[in-house]
Amino acid sequence: MAKSCLLGYILVNTMPVSALKEALIKHIELTRTELGSLIFEASQDRGNEKLFI
């Protein structure tokens, strides 16, 4: 099976940052259980609390 790497970002504009953090926890857990998923990480930018990479 070929390996792929997807990179992206989330910029929070219309919801509280705390709500996104809670949603990300569940999303990361679900994604890591998918067949073939090796790594799923998201981190909050140090300079912009509304940006997640």
Protein backbone atom coordinates (compact mmCIF):
# COMPACT_ATOMS: atom_id res chain seq x y z
CA MET A 1 0.00 0.00 0.00
CA ALA A 2 1.34 3.44 -0.93
CA LYS A 3 1.79 5.94 1.86
CA SER A 4 0.44 9.47 1.75
CA CYS A 5 1.02 12.48 3.95
CA LEU A 6 -1.70 15.10 4.29
CA LEU A 7 -0.94 18.47 5.83
CA GLY A 8 -3.42 21.17 6.67
CA TYR A 9 -4.55 23.78 9.12
CA ILE A 10 -7.67 24.98 10.91
CA LEU A 11 -8.26 28.67 11.54
CA VAL A 12 -10.98 29.21 14.15
CA ASN A 13 -13.25 32.13 13.32
CA THR A 14 -16.81 31.32 14.33
CA MET A 15 -16.54 29.07 17.38
CA PRO A 16 -14.73 29.21 20.71
CA VAL A 17 -11.20 27.80 20.62
CA SER A 18 -12.11 25.57 23.57
CA ALA A 19 -14.90 23.94 21.52
CA LEU A 20 -12.50 23.16 18.69
CA LYS A 21 -9.99 21.66 21.11
CA GLU A 22 -12.67 19.31 22.46
CA ALA A 23 -13.77 18.32 18.95
CA LEU A 24 -10.18 17.71 17.85
CA ILE A 25 -9.58 15.26 20.69
CA LYS A 26 -12.45 13.07 19.50
CA HIS A 27 -11.58 13.49 15.82
CA ILE A 28 -7.96 12.46 16.43
CA GLU A 29 -9.08 9.37 18.39
CA LEU A 30 -11.45 8.30 15.60
CA THR A 31 -8.96 8.94 12.81
CA ARG A 32 -6.22 6.94 14.53
CA THR A 33 -8.50 3.88 14.55
CA GLU A 34 -8.99 3.98 10.76
CA LEU A 35 -7.27 1.26 8.76
CA GLY A 36 -3.97 2.55 7.43
CA SER A 37 -3.84 5.63 9.65
CA LEU A 38 -0.33 5.81 11.08
CA ILE A 39 -0.17 9.28 12.61
CA PHE A 40 -2.63 12.09 13.23
CA GLU A 41 -1.43 15.15 15.05
CA ALA A 42 -2.75 18.66 15.55
CA SER A 43 -1.09 21.42 17.53
CA GLN A 44 -2.04 24.96 18.42
CA ASP A 45 0.18 27.69 17.00
CA ARG A 46 2.17 29.51 19.69
CA GLY A 47 1.70 32.91 18.09
CA ASN A 48 -1.98 32.60 17.14
CA GLU A 49 -4.29 30.73 19.50
CA LYS A 50 -6.92 30.44 16.74
CA LEU A 51 -4.59 28.53 14.40
CA PHE A 52 -4.13 24.76 14.59
CA ILE A 53 -1.61 22.94 12.40
